[in-house]
Amino acid sequence: MSQFRLNSSVLTLARRGFLFGTLALLAGWSQAQQVFRVTAIPDESPTELARKAAPLMKYLESQLGVKMEFTPVTDYAAAVEALVNKKVDLAWFGGFTFVQAHVRSGGKVLPLVQREEDTKFRSVFISSDPLIKSLADLKGKDVSFGSQSSTSGHLMPRSFVLQAGMNPDKDFRRVAYSGAHDATIAAVAAGKVQAGALNISVWEKFVAEKKVDTERVKVFFTTPAYFDYNWTVHADMPAAQREKISKAFLSLSRDDAQGKEILELQRATRFLPSQVDNYKGIEAAARSAGLL
């Protein structure tokens, strides 16, 4: 009887060993097949977002050792929900979108890095009407913002209009939302609205690439600086993984061909560490404007 019990125990252990070994192999296979998903707020056209993402995904794949997948979303809210619900691992947010995700997740998202430009970001107001020379001249006019959730295309421009003593919803003849910065330029250039607000980075890109006639469409107001875009992860991501991602971005340099290409597409001089406290001003502006 004791011999039977011993053999049964050995058999049970063997079965368990086989099971654990199989699970370990499956776990290893799963890890090997891991896909790291990245998304970005759709503040430009889908083709432009894809063009900017391609070399960055290739670089991150080599640095992190996992398959990268860029997952586009239809609007800003979808980007927030994707990260909050862990449908993606890394998200490119504007300052306001980050604040929305931070509030929506109960403080469970963390900004890892931001471009040097994002520590002193600005918005511009543009117009093709020569009579519009200041924010006060927008009274009674049709004005376009970008997305309602855009920091540089809506929240901060709105906050500076409010500081100038006007309420867009009462003092503008019509408030339009184009959905993206490049669409705002197009709306102003086509005369669909008399003025529009967008981020200075997209404006400067359009000017440099001669995609806008600056004899017709001009900047008449540039906002003071504020913190804006960042790359954000969920706080549940292991610290070692967060550090690896941060290191990859912080290591990008214009001194080598790959880094130069990526930084130019991201319209960045370099990336710097970011932190939650950088966005307290954005949160205060959002609450003051009744947008949060």
C-alpha atoms as a PDB file:
ATOM      1  CA  MET A   1       0.000   0.000   0.000  1.00  0.00           C
ATOM      2  CA  SER A   2       2.805   2.446   0.912  1.00  0.00           C
ATOM      3  CA  GLN A   3       4.542   1.592  -2.386  1.00  0.00           C
ATOM      4  CA  PHE A   4       1.292   2.368  -4.245  1.00  0.00           C
ATOM      5  CA  ARG A   5       0.985   5.697  -2.421  1.00  0.00           C
ATOM      6  CA  LEU A   6       4.588   6.554  -3.275  1.00  0.00           C
ATOM      7  CA  ASN A   7       4.084   5.744  -6.931  1.00  0.00           C
ATOM      8  CA  SER A   8       0.862   7.751  -6.986  1.00  0.00           C
ATOM      9  CA  SER A   9       2.634  10.729  -5.451  1.00  0.00           C
ATOM     10  CA  VAL A  10       5.448  10.474  -7.967  1.00  0.00           C
ATOM     11  CA  LEU A  11       2.908  10.270 -10.776  1.00  0.00           C
ATOM     12  CA  THR A  12       1.029  13.284  -9.432  1.00  0.00           C
ATOM     13  CA  LEU A  13       4.243  15.295  -9.168  1.00  0.00           C
ATOM     14  CA  ALA A  14       5.203  14.284 -12.679  1.00  0.00           C
ATOM     15  CA  ARG A  15       1.839  15.394 -14.001  1.00  0.00           C
ATOM     16  CA  ARG A  16       2.154  18.681 -12.166  1.00  0.00           C
ATOM     17  CA  GLY A  17       5.660  19.136 -13.476  1.00  0.00           C
ATOM     18  CA  PHE A  18       4.475  18.539 -17.018  1.00  0.00           C
ATOM     19  CA  LEU A  19       1.594  20.974 -16.521  1.00  0.00           C
ATOM     20  CA  PHE A  20       3.820  23.681 -15.056  1.00  0.00           C
ATOM     21  CA  GLY A  21       6.371  23.134 -17.794  1.00  0.00           C
ATOM     22  CA  THR A  22       3.703  23.453 -20.461  1.00  0.00           C
ATOM     23  CA  LEU A  23       2.357  26.626 -18.868  1.00  0.00           C
ATOM     24  CA  ALA A  24       5.859  28.042 -18.684  1.00  0.00           C
ATOM     25  CA  LEU A  25       6.392  27.315 -22.362  1.00  0.00           C
ATOM     26  CA  LEU A  26       3.062  28.914 -23.210  1.00  0.00           C
ATOM     27  CA  ALA A  27       3.921  31.941 -21.099  1.00  0.00           C
ATOM     28  CA  GLY A  28       7.249  32.221 -22.862  1.00  0.00           C
ATOM     29  CA  TRP A  29       5.557  31.955 -26.234  1.00  0.00           C
ATOM     30  CA  SER A  30       3.001  34.586 -25.214  1.00  0.00           C
ATOM     31  CA  GLN A  31       5.762  36.941 -24.130  1.00  0.00           C
ATOM     32  CA  ALA A  32       7.624  36.352 -27.360  1.00  0.00           C
ATOM     33  CA  GLN A  33       4.465  37.212 -29.308  1.00  0.00           C
ATOM     34  CA  GLN A  34       3.694  40.322 -27.243  1.00  0.00           C
ATOM     35  CA  VAL A  35       2.432  43.338 -29.160  1.00  0.00           C
ATOM     36  CA  PHE A  36       3.090  46.803 -27.783  1.00  0.00           C
ATOM     37  CA  ARG A  37       0.257  49.089 -28.894  1.00  0.00           C
ATOM     38  CA  VAL A  38       0.656  52.819 -29.381  1.00  0.00           C
ATOM     39  CA  THR A  39      -1.943  55.462 -30.155  1.00  0.00           C
ATOM     40  CA  ALA A  40      -2.082  59.222 -30.615  1.00  0.00           C
ATOM     41  CA  ILE A  41      -4.746  61.900 -30.477  1.00  0.00           C
ATOM     42  CA  PRO A  42      -5.889  62.593 -34.060  1.00  0.00           C
ATOM     43  CA  ASP A  43      -4.775  66.236 -34.124  1.00  0.00           C
ATOM     44  CA  GLU A  44      -3.660  65.943 -37.751  1.00  0.00           C
ATOM     45  CA  SER A  45      -4.813  63.942 -40.763  1.00  0.00           C
ATOM     46  CA  PRO A  46      -4.616  60.127 -40.533  1.00  0.00           C
ATOM     47  CA  THR A  47      -1.991  59.978 -43.292  1.00  0.00           C
ATOM     48  CA  GLU A  48       0.233  62.496 -41.517  1.00  0.00           C
ATOM     49  CA  LEU A  49      -0.090  60.654 -38.187  1.00  0.00           C
ATOM     50  CA  ALA A  50       0.854  57.376 -39.881  1.00  0.00           C
ATOM     51  CA  ARG A  51       3.842  59.021 -41.621  1.00  0.00           C
ATOM     52  CA  LYS A  52       5.118  60.417 -38.315  1.00  0.00           C
ATOM     53  CA  ALA A  53       4.580  57.123 -36.482  1.00  0.00           C
ATOM     54  CA  ALA A  54       6.309  54.710 -38.884  1.00  0.00           C
ATOM     55  CA  PRO A  55      10.008  55.395 -38.101  1.00  0.00           C
ATOM     56  CA  LEU A  56       9.258  55.880 -34.395  1.00  0.00           C
ATOM     57  CA  MET A  57       7.560  52.469 -34.197  1.00  0.00           C
ATOM     58  CA  LYS A  58      10.542  50.865 -35.921  1.00  0.00           C
ATOM     59  CA  TYR A  59      12.935  52.514 -33.474  1.00  0.00           C
ATOM     60  CA  LEU A  60      10.918  51.576 -30.377  1.00  0.00           C
ATOM     61  CA  GLU A  61      10.644  47.997 -31.612  1.00  0.00           C
ATOM     62  CA  SER A  62      14.445  47.751 -31.679  1.00  0.00           C
ATOM     63  CA  GLN A  63      14.794  49.397 -28.272  1.00  0.00           C
ATOM     64  CA  LEU A  64      12.050  47.496 -26.425  1.00  0.00           C
ATOM     65  CA  GLY A  65      12.436  44.156 -28.144  1.00  0.00           C
ATOM     66  CA  VAL A  66       8.708  43.746 -28.807  1.00  0.00           C
ATOM     67  CA  LYS A  67       6.489  44.047 -31.867  1.00  0.00           C
ATOM     68  CA  MET A  68       5.100  47.569 -32.133  1.00  0.00           C
ATOM     69  CA  GLU A  69       1.655  48.375 -33.479  1.00  0.00           C
ATOM     70  CA  PHE A  70       0.296  51.866 -34.115  1.00  0.00           C
ATOM     71  CA  THR A  71      -3.438  51.918 -33.345  1.00  0.00           C
ATOM     72  CA  PRO A  72      -5.201  55.010 -34.744  1.00  0.00           C
ATOM     73  CA  VAL A  73      -8.356  56.301 -33.062  1.00  0.00           C
ATOM     74  CA  THR A  74     -11.246  58.339 -34.418  1.00  0.00           C
ATOM     75  CA  ASP A  75     -11.253  61.133 -31.840  1.00  0.00           C
ATOM     76  CA  TYR A  76      -9.564  62.475 -28.714  1.00  0.00           C
ATOM     77  CA  ALA A  77     -11.991  60.775 -26.323  1.00  0.00           C
ATOM     78  CA  ALA A  78     -11.195  57.392 -27.882  1.00  0.00           C
ATOM     79  CA  ALA A  79      -7.481  57.939 -27.199  1.00  0.00           C
ATOM     80  CA  VAL A  80      -8.247  58.660 -23.534  1.00  0.00           C
ATOM     81  CA  GLU A  81     -10.440  55.585 -23.150  1.00  0.00           C
ATOM     82  CA  ALA A  82      -7.921  53.351 -24.944  1.00  0.00           C
ATOM     83  CA  LEU A  83      -5.166  54.088 -22.420  1.00  0.00           C
ATOM     84  CA  VAL A  84      -7.385  54.255 -19.338  1.00  0.00           C
ATOM     85  CA  ASN A  85      -8.798  50.808 -20.198  1.00  0.00           C
ATOM     86  CA  LYS A  86      -5.344  49.428 -21.118  1.00  0.00           C
ATOM     87  CA  LYS A  87      -6.268  48.808 -24.741  1.00  0.00           C
ATOM     88  CA  VAL A  88      -2.988  50.498 -25.652  1.00  0.00           C
ATOM     89  CA  ASP A  89       0.337  50.702 -23.813  1.00  0.00           C
ATOM     90  CA  LEU A  90       1.525  54.157 -24.828  1.00  0.00           C
ATOM     91  CA  ALA A  91      -0.382  57.265 -25.924  1.00  0.00           C
ATOM     92  CA  TRP A  92       0.553  60.629 -27.396  1.00  0.00           C
ATOM     93  CA  PHE A  93      -1.623  63.148 -25.563  1.00  0.00           C
ATOM     94  CA  GLY A  94      -2.034  66.885 -25.557  1.00  0.00           C
ATOM     95  CA  GLY A  95      -1.906  68.535 -22.145  1.00  0.00           C
ATOM     96  CA  PHE A  96      -5.702  68.652 -21.794  1.00  0.00           C
ATOM     97  CA  THR A  97      -6.131  65.093 -23.059  1.00  0.00           C
ATOM     98  CA  PHE A  98      -3.600  63.989 -20.451  1.00  0.00           C
ATOM     99  CA  VAL A  99      -5.546  65.809 -17.733  1.00  0.00           C
ATOM    100  CA  GLN A 100      -8.774  64.146 -18.921  1.00  0.00           C
ATOM    101  CA  ALA A 101      -7.097  60.721 -18.801  1.00  0.00           C
ATOM    102  CA  HIS A 102      -5.582  61.455 -15.390  1.00  0.00           C
ATOM    103  CA  VAL A 103      -8.975  62.432 -13.956  1.00  0.00           C
ATOM    104  CA  ARG A 104     -10.848  59.636 -15.776  1.00  0.00           C
ATOM    105  CA  SER A 105      -8.395  57.002 -14.447  1.00  0.00           C
ATOM    106  CA  GLY A 106      -8.296  58.313 -10.882  1.00  0.00           C
ATOM    107  CA  GLY A 107      -4.656  59.324 -11.254  1.00  0.00           C
ATOM    108  CA  LYS A 108      -3.589  56.035 -12.849  1.00  0.00           C
ATOM    109  CA  VAL A 109      -1.776  57.438 -15.889  1.00  0.00           C
ATOM    110  CA  LEU A 110       1.727  58.919 -15.938  1.00  0.00           C
ATOM    111  CA  PRO A 111       3.419  61.282 -18.416  1.00  0.00           C
ATOM    112  CA  LEU A 112       6.853  59.884 -19.247  1.00  0.00           C
ATOM    113  CA  VAL A 113       8.457  62.322 -21.662  1.00  0.00           C
ATOM    114  CA  GLN A 114       7.668  65.464 -23.606  1.00  0.00           C
ATOM    115  CA  ARG A 115       9.428  67.389 -26.319  1.00  0.00           C
ATOM    116  CA  GLU A 116      11.544  70.319 -25.234  1.00  0.00           C
ATOM    117  CA  GLU A 117       9.090  72.423 -27.252  1.00  0.00           C
ATOM    118  CA  ASP A 118       6.234  71.240 -25.024  1.00  0.00           C
ATOM    119  CA  THR A 119       7.699  72.979 -21.973  1.00  0.00           C
ATOM    120  CA  LYS A 120       6.961  76.321 -23.657  1.00  0.00           C
ATOM    121  CA  PHE A 121       4.238  75.587 -26.166  1.00  0.00           C
ATOM    122  CA  ARG A 122       2.033  78.242 -27.780  1.00  0.00           C
ATOM    123  CA  SER A 123      -1.084  78.595 -29.875  1.00  0.00           C
ATOM    124  CA  VAL A 124      -1.728  81.065 -32.675  1.00  0.00           C
ATOM    125  CA  PHE A 125      -4.876  82.795 -33.894  1.00  0.00           C
ATOM    126  CA  ILE A 126      -4.991  83.221 -37.658  1.00  0.00           C
ATOM    127  CA  SER A 127      -7.268  85.145 -40.025  1.00  0.00           C
ATOM    128  CA  SER A 128      -7.651  86.124 -43.669  1.00  0.00           C
ATOM    129  CA  ASP A 129      -9.636  89.237 -42.705  1.00  0.00           C
ATOM    130  CA  PRO A 130      -7.316  92.298 -42.638  1.00  0.00           C
ATOM    131  CA  LEU A 131      -9.656  94.021 -40.181  1.00  0.00           C
ATOM    132  CA  ILE A 132      -9.003  91.376 -37.517  1.00  0.00           C
ATOM    133  CA  LYS A 133      -5.884  92.483 -35.656  1.00  0.00           C
ATOM    134  CA  SER A 134      -6.567  91.474 -32.031  1.00  0.00           C
ATOM    135  CA  LEU A 135      -8.689  89.101 -29.963  1.00  0.00           C
ATOM    136  CA  ALA A 136     -11.181  91.922 -29.376  1.00  0.00           C
ATOM    137  CA  ASP A 137     -11.832  91.996 -33.134  1.00  0.00           C
ATOM    138  CA  LEU A 138     -13.241  88.464 -32.979  1.00  0.00           C
ATOM    139  CA  LYS A 139     -16.492  89.747 -31.470  1.00  0.00           C
ATOM    140  CA  GLY A 140     -19.373  88.942 -33.800  1.00  0.00           C
ATOM    141  CA  LYS A 141     -17.192  86.749 -36.024  1.00  0.00           C
ATOM    142  CA  ASP A 142     -17.203  83.063 -37.015  1.00  0.00           C
ATOM    143  CA  VAL A 143     -14.235  81.429 -35.275  1.00  0.00           C
ATOM    144  CA  SER A 144     -12.930  77.868 -35.533  1.00  0.00           C
ATOM    145  CA  PHE A 145     -11.198  75.866 -32.855  1.00  0.00           C
ATOM    146  CA  GLY A 146      -9.792  72.371 -33.486  1.00  0.00           C
ATOM    147  CA  SER A 147     -11.134  69.467 -31.458  1.00  0.00           C
ATOM    148  CA  GLN A 148     -13.098  70.322 -28.314  1.00  0.00           C
ATOM    149  CA  SER A 149     -10.559  68.226 -26.353  1.00  0.00           C
ATOM    150  CA  SER A 150      -7.522  69.908 -27.910  1.00  0.00           C
ATOM    151  CA  THR A 151      -5.186  71.790 -25.587  1.00  0.00           C
ATOM    152  CA  SER A 152      -3.557  74.003 -28.184  1.00  0.00           C
ATOM    153  CA  GLY A 153      -6.501  74.095 -30.581  1.00  0.00           C
ATOM    154  CA  HIS A 154      -9.255  74.875 -28.092  1.00  0.00           C
ATOM    155  CA  LEU A 155      -8.682  74.896 -24.317  1.00  0.00           C
ATOM    156  CA  MET A 156      -5.755  77.323 -24.103  1.00  0.00           C
ATOM    157  CA  PRO A 157      -6.946  79.606 -26.925  1.00  0.00           C
ATOM    158  CA  ARG A 158     -10.367  79.749 -25.227  1.00  0.00           C
ATOM    159  CA  SER A 159      -8.766  80.543 -21.872  1.00  0.00           C
ATOM    160  CA  PHE A 160      -6.864  83.500 -23.380  1.00  0.00           C
ATOM    161  CA  VAL A 161     -10.043  84.770 -25.051  1.00  0.00           C
ATOM    162  CA  LEU A 162     -11.750  84.610 -21.650  1.00  0.00           C
ATOM    163  CA  GLN A 163      -8.832  86.497 -20.106  1.00  0.00           C
ATOM    164  CA  ALA A 164      -9.320  89.157 -22.779  1.00  0.00           C
ATOM    165  CA  GLY A 165     -12.827  89.710 -21.437  1.00  0.00           C
ATOM    166  CA  MET A 166     -14.848  87.781 -23.999  1.00  0.00           C
ATOM    167  CA  ASN A 167     -16.882  84.587 -23.891  1.00  0.00           C
ATOM    168  CA  PRO A 168     -16.636  82.679 -27.206  1.00  0.00           C
ATOM    169  CA  ASP A 169     -20.088  81.148 -26.797  1.00  0.00           C
ATOM    170  CA  LYS A 170     -21.706  84.557 -26.308  1.00  0.00           C
ATOM    171  CA  ASP A 171     -19.485  87.029 -28.131  1.00  0.00           C
ATOM    172  CA  PHE A 172     -18.561  85.098 -31.280  1.00  0.00           C
ATOM    173  CA  ARG A 173     -21.240  84.881 -33.951  1.00  0.00           C
ATOM    174  CA  ARG A 174     -20.466  81.185 -34.358  1.00  0.00           C
ATOM    175  CA  VAL A 175     -18.021  78.732 -32.765  1.00  0.00           C
ATOM    176  CA  ALA A 176     -16.936  75.926 -35.083  1.00  0.00           C
ATOM    177  CA  TYR A 177     -14.827  72.845 -34.303  1.00  0.00           C
ATOM    178  CA  SER A 178     -12.739  71.634 -37.227  1.00  0.00           C
ATOM    179  CA  GLY A 179     -11.468  68.509 -35.454  1.00  0.00           C
ATOM    180  CA  ALA A 180      -7.769  69.049 -36.254  1.00  0.00           C
ATOM    181  CA  HIS A 181      -5.189  71.826 -36.609  1.00  0.00           C
ATOM    182  CA  ASP A 182      -4.655  71.396 -40.351  1.00  0.00           C
ATOM    183  CA  ALA A 183      -8.441  71.470 -40.861  1.00  0.00           C
ATOM    184  CA  THR A 184      -8.588  74.806 -39.014  1.00  0.00           C
ATOM    185  CA  ILE A 185      -6.045  76.312 -41.429  1.00  0.00           C
ATOM    186  CA  ALA A 186      -8.089  74.998 -44.357  1.00  0.00           C
ATOM    187  CA  ALA A 187     -11.327  76.477 -42.955  1.00  0.00           C
ATOM    188  CA  VAL A 188      -9.756  79.929 -42.512  1.00  0.00           C
ATOM    189  CA  ALA A 189      -8.042  79.837 -45.923  1.00  0.00           C
ATOM    190  CA  ALA A 190     -11.313  78.852 -47.626  1.00  0.00           C
ATOM    191  CA  GLY A 191     -13.246  81.650 -45.910  1.00  0.00           C
ATOM    192  CA  LYS A 192     -15.544  79.269 -44.043  1.00  0.00           C
ATOM    193  CA  VAL A 193     -14.682  81.173 -40.848  1.00  0.00           C
ATOM    194  CA  GLN A 194     -13.095  84.574 -40.301  1.00  0.00           C
ATOM    195  CA  ALA A 195     -10.510  83.277 -37.811  1.00  0.00           C
ATOM    196  CA  GLY A 196      -9.183  80.140 -36.178  1.00  0.00           C
ATOM    197  CA  ALA A 197      -6.924  78.926 -33.395  1.00  0.00           C
ATOM    198  CA  LEU A 198      -4.381  76.129 -33.662  1.00  0.00           C
ATOM    199  CA  ASN A 199      -1.040  75.000 -32.310  1.00  0.00           C
ATOM    200  CA  ILE A 200       2.013  76.913 -33.407  1.00  0.00           C
ATOM    201  CA  SER A 201       3.898  73.759 -34.425  1.00  0.00           C
ATOM    202  CA  VAL A 202       1.436  72.788 -37.157  1.00  0.00           C
ATOM    203  CA  TRP A 203       1.223  76.394 -38.341  1.00  0.00           C
ATOM    204  CA  GLU A 204       5.009  76.667 -38.672  1.00  0.00           C
ATOM    205  CA  LYS A 205       5.108  73.336 -40.531  1.00  0.00           C
ATOM    206  CA  PHE A 206       2.513  74.560 -43.041  1.00  0.00           C
ATOM    207  CA  VAL A 207       4.417  77.816 -43.528  1.00  0.00           C
ATOM    208  CA  ALA A 208       7.756  76.010 -43.992  1.00  0.00           C
ATOM    209  CA  GLU A 209       6.224  73.602 -46.508  1.00  0.00           C
ATOM    210  CA  LYS A 210       4.428  76.477 -48.290  1.00  0.00           C
ATOM    211  CA  LYS A 211       1.046  74.828 -47.776  1.00  0.00           C
ATOM    212  CA  VAL A 212      -0.591  78.105 -46.789  1.00  0.00           C
ATOM    213  CA  ASP A 213      -0.556  81.515 -48.485  1.00  0.00           C
ATOM    214  CA  THR A 214       0.820  83.782 -45.766  1.00  0.00           C
ATOM    215  CA  GLU A 215      -0.063  86.836 -47.860  1.00  0.00           C
ATOM    216  CA  ARG A 216      -3.730  85.976 -47.271  1.00  0.00           C
ATOM    217  CA  VAL A 217      -3.738  84.060 -43.972  1.00  0.00           C
ATOM    218  CA  LYS A 218      -1.787  85.691 -41.159  1.00  0.00           C
ATOM    219  CA  VAL A 219      -1.148  85.209 -37.445  1.00  0.00           C
ATOM    220  CA  PHE A 220      -2.637  88.103 -35.468  1.00  0.00           C
ATOM    221  CA  PHE A 221      -2.186  86.772 -31.923  1.00  0.00           C
ATOM    222  CA  THR A 222       0.248  84.331 -30.298  1.00  0.00           C
ATOM    223  CA  THR A 223      -0.539  83.078 -26.807  1.00  0.00           C
ATOM    224  CA  PRO A 224       1.817  83.025 -23.820  1.00  0.00           C
ATOM    225  CA  ALA A 225       3.645  79.716 -23.249  1.00  0.00           C
ATOM    226  CA  TYR A 226       2.224  76.659 -21.473  1.00  0.00           C
ATOM    227  CA  PHE A 227       3.015  72.935 -21.075  1.00  0.00           C
ATOM    228  CA  ASP A 228       1.483  70.708 -23.726  1.00  0.00           C
ATOM    229  CA  TYR A 229       2.016  67.314 -25.407  1.00  0.00           C
ATOM    230  CA  ASN A 230       3.537  64.218 -23.797  1.00  0.00           C
ATOM    231  CA  TRP A 231       3.887  60.451 -24.146  1.00  0.00           C
ATOM    232  CA  THR A 232       1.813  58.793 -21.415  1.00  0.00           C
ATOM    233  CA  VAL A 233       1.508  55.248 -20.005  1.00  0.00           C
ATOM    234  CA  HIS A 234      -0.787  53.534 -17.524  1.00  0.00           C
ATOM    235  CA  ALA A 235       0.577  53.566 -13.977  1.00  0.00           C
ATOM    236  CA  ASP A 236       0.142  49.780 -13.771  1.00  0.00           C
ATOM    237  CA  MET A 237       2.957  49.320 -16.285  1.00  0.00           C
ATOM    238  CA  PRO A 238       6.021  47.879 -14.461  1.00  0.00           C
ATOM    239  CA  ALA A 239       8.581  50.523 -13.504  1.00  0.00           C
ATOM    240  CA  ALA A 240      11.331  48.740 -15.441  1.00  0.00           C
ATOM    241  CA  GLN A 241       9.274  48.921 -18.633  1.00  0.00           C
ATOM    242  CA  ARG A 242       8.489  52.613 -18.065  1.00  0.00           C
ATOM    243  CA  GLU A 243      12.188  53.329 -17.607  1.00  0.00           C
ATOM    244  CA  LYS A 244      13.028  51.450 -20.792  1.00  0.00           C
ATOM    245  CA  ILE A 245      10.533  53.505 -22.790  1.00  0.00           C
ATOM    246  CA  SER A 246      11.759  56.772 -21.273  1.00  0.00           C
ATOM    247  CA  LYS A 247      15.366  55.880 -22.025  1.00  0.00           C
ATOM    248  CA  ALA A 248      14.483  55.147 -25.657  1.00  0.00           C
ATOM    249  CA  PHE A 249      12.962  58.614 -26.124  1.00  0.00           C
ATOM    250  CA  LEU A 250      15.640  60.429 -24.124  1.00  0.00           C
ATOM    251  CA  SER A 251      18.347  58.742 -26.213  1.00  0.00           C
ATOM    252  CA  LEU A 252      17.042  60.142 -29.492  1.00  0.00           C
ATOM    253  CA  SER A 253      19.591  62.511 -30.983  1.00  0.00           C
ATOM    254  CA  ARG A 254      19.880  64.608 -34.109  1.00  0.00           C
ATOM    255  CA  ASP A 255      23.508  63.469 -34.313  1.00  0.00           C
ATOM    256  CA  ASP A 256      22.536  60.207 -36.025  1.00  0.00           C
ATOM    257  CA  ALA A 257      20.366  59.658 -39.090  1.00  0.00           C
ATOM    258  CA  GLN A 258      17.610  57.641 -37.392  1.00  0.00           C
ATOM    259  CA  GLY A 259      17.272  60.024 -34.473  1.00  0.00           C
ATOM    260  CA  LYS A 260      17.289  63.053 -36.766  1.00  0.00           C
ATOM    261  CA  GLU A 261      14.493  61.628 -38.910  1.00  0.00           C
ATOM    262  CA  ILE A 262      12.315  60.771 -35.913  1.00  0.00           C
ATOM    263  CA  LEU A 263      12.862  64.080 -34.123  1.00  0.00           C
ATOM    264  CA  GLU A 264      12.156  66.069 -37.275  1.00  0.00           C
ATOM    265  CA  LEU A 265       8.917  64.181 -37.889  1.00  0.00           C
ATOM    266  CA  GLN A 266       7.919  64.688 -34.247  1.00  0.00           C
ATOM    267  CA  ARG A 267       8.899  68.359 -34.631  1.00  0.00           C
ATOM    268  CA  ALA A 268      11.148  68.008 -31.594  1.00  0.00           C
ATOM    269  CA  THR A 269      14.581  69.299 -30.672  1.00  0.00           C
ATOM    270  CA  ARG A 270      14.839  66.508 -28.104  1.00  0.00           C
ATOM    271  CA  PHE A 271      12.729  64.728 -25.490  1.00  0.00           C
ATOM    272  CA  LEU A 272      12.817  65.545 -21.771  1.00  0.00           C
ATOM    273  CA  PRO A 273      11.329  63.780 -18.701  1.00  0.00           C
ATOM    274  CA  SER A 274       7.799  64.882 -17.842  1.00  0.00           C
ATOM    275  CA  GLN A 275       5.718  64.842 -14.661  1.00  0.00           C
ATOM    276  CA  VAL A 276       2.111  65.209 -13.529  1.00  0.00           C
ATOM    277  CA  ASP A 277       2.725  68.577 -11.854  1.00  0.00           C
ATOM    278  CA  ASN A 278       3.518  70.127 -15.239  1.00  0.00           C
ATOM    279  CA  TYR A 279      -0.177  69.912 -16.096  1.00  0.00           C
ATOM    280  CA  LYS A 280      -1.741  71.537 -13.038  1.00  0.00           C
ATOM    281  CA  GLY A 281      -2.029  74.791 -14.981  1.00  0.00           C
ATOM    282  CA  ILE A 282      -3.858  73.009 -17.814  1.00  0.00           C
ATOM    283  CA  GLU A 283      -6.246  71.400 -15.307  1.00  0.00           C
ATOM    284  CA  ALA A 284      -6.928  74.778 -13.666  1.00  0.00           C
ATOM    285  CA  ALA A 285      -7.618  76.355 -17.073  1.00  0.00           C
ATOM    286  CA  ALA A 286      -9.980  73.502 -18.004  1.00  0.00           C
ATOM    287  CA  ARG A 287     -11.944  73.826 -14.786  1.00  0.00           C
ATOM    288  CA  SER A 288     -12.083  77.601 -15.121  1.00  0.00           C
ATOM    289  CA  ALA A 289     -13.417  77.286 -18.671  1.00  0.00           C
ATOM    290  CA  GLY A 290     -15.998  74.707 -17.563  1.00  0.00           C
ATOM    291  CA  LEU A 291     -14.469  71.981 -19.745  1.00  0.00           C
ATOM    292  CA  LEU A 292     -13.619  69.520 -16.979  1.00  0.00           C
END
